[in-house]
Amino acid sequence: MAYRLELLSSARREFLALPADVRKRIDAHLMLLSENPRPRRVKGLKGHKGLWRIRVGNYRVVYEVDDEARVLTVTRVRLRATAYRAL
């Protein structure tokens, strides 16, 4: 059973502000994450228990996983240079 995918309102704004080709690539990765939220290429964020990140080109998608409720919540979709500021 797949995880339900949710985006925080701030993450949704970040996602919609991206160029269309980047949104398409990130969307494909998000669909894969909803099937398997912790594939091999995903890394946990050090110092932030429960947060994970995935690389999509120069962009990073930061998210958390609730295994009990089977919900994957995207908290950030940003360029690598700004993805980890003020977490």
Protein backbone atom coordinates (compact mmCIF):
# COMPACT_ATOMS: atom_id res chain seq x y z
CA MET A 1 0.00 0.00 0.00
CA ALA A 2 1.39 3.40 -0.99
CA TYR A 3 1.98 6.29 1.36
CA ARG A 4 -0.24 9.34 1.05
CA LEU A 5 1.79 12.30 -0.21
CA GLU A 6 1.28 15.72 1.39
CA LEU A 7 3.11 18.99 0.80
CA LEU A 8 3.26 21.74 3.41
CA SER A 9 1.87 24.97 2.00
CA SER A 10 5.40 26.45 1.91
CA ALA A 11 6.72 23.39 0.05
CA ARG A 12 3.80 23.60 -2.39
CA ARG A 13 4.68 27.25 -3.14
CA GLU A 14 8.34 26.33 -3.64
CA PHE A 15 7.36 23.46 -5.94
CA LEU A 16 4.99 25.56 -8.06
CA ALA A 17 7.61 28.30 -8.45
CA LEU A 18 10.03 25.89 -10.14
CA PRO A 19 10.43 25.64 -13.93
CA ALA A 20 8.02 23.14 -15.53
CA ASP A 21 10.74 20.66 -16.52
CA VAL A 22 12.13 20.58 -12.96
CA ARG A 23 8.62 20.15 -11.50
CA LYS A 24 8.05 17.19 -13.81
CA ARG A 25 11.28 15.48 -12.67
CA ILE A 26 10.58 16.14 -9.00
CA ASP A 27 6.98 14.93 -9.38
CA ALA A 28 8.24 11.63 -10.81
CA HIS A 29 10.55 11.19 -7.80
CA LEU A 30 7.74 12.02 -5.38
CA MET A 31 5.54 9.33 -6.93
CA LEU A 32 8.36 6.80 -6.45
CA LEU A 33 8.80 7.94 -2.85
CA SER A 34 5.12 7.36 -2.15
CA GLU A 35 5.68 3.70 -3.03
CA ASN A 36 8.98 3.38 -1.13
CA PRO A 37 9.76 6.34 1.17
CA ARG A 38 13.28 5.17 1.98
CA PRO A 39 15.02 3.96 -1.19
CA ARG A 40 18.78 3.45 -1.17
CA ARG A 41 19.66 6.91 -2.47
CA VAL A 42 17.74 8.73 0.30
CA LYS A 43 19.69 10.07 3.27
CA GLY A 44 18.58 11.06 6.72
CA LEU A 45 19.38 14.62 7.76
CA LYS A 46 21.97 14.73 10.51
CA GLY A 47 20.74 16.57 13.57
CA HIS A 48 17.10 16.39 12.44
CA LYS A 49 15.59 13.11 13.51
CA GLY A 50 12.81 11.98 11.21
CA LEU A 51 13.75 14.19 8.26
CA TRP A 52 14.95 12.66 5.01
CA ARG A 53 16.24 14.17 1.80
CA ILE A 54 16.47 13.12 -1.79
CA ARG A 55 18.49 14.70 -4.55
CA VAL A 56 16.83 15.58 -7.86
CA GLY A 57 19.48 17.29 -9.96
CA ASN A 58 20.51 20.52 -8.20
CA TYR A 59 17.37 20.41 -6.06
CA ARG A 60 16.70 18.76 -2.73
CA VAL A 61 13.37 17.47 -1.48
CA VAL A 62 13.22 17.31 2.31
CA TYR A 63 10.44 15.24 3.85
CA GLU A 64 9.29 13.29 6.87
CA VAL A 65 7.66 9.87 7.01
CA ASP A 66 4.89 8.76 9.36
CA ASP A 67 4.88 4.98 9.06
CA GLU A 68 1.86 4.47 11.31
CA ALA A 69 -0.40 6.80 9.33
CA ARG A 70 1.43 5.96 6.06
CA VAL A 71 1.91 9.65 5.24
CA LEU A 72 4.91 11.24 3.54
CA THR A 73 5.03 15.01 4.19
CA VAL A 74 7.26 17.16 1.97
CA THR A 75 8.61 20.12 3.95
CA ARG A 76 10.96 21.72 1.38
CA VAL A 77 11.71 21.71 -2.34
CA ARG A 78 14.72 23.95 -2.91
CA LEU A 79 18.05 24.37 -4.60
CA ARG A 80 20.82 22.62 -2.70
CA ALA A 81 22.41 25.91 -1.62
CA THR A 82 19.30 26.95 0.34
CA ALA A 83 17.62 23.63 1.18
CA TYR A 84 19.09 23.23 4.65
CA ARG A 85 18.94 26.80 5.96
CA ALA A 86 16.95 27.31 9.16
CA LEU A 87 15.71 23.75 9.54
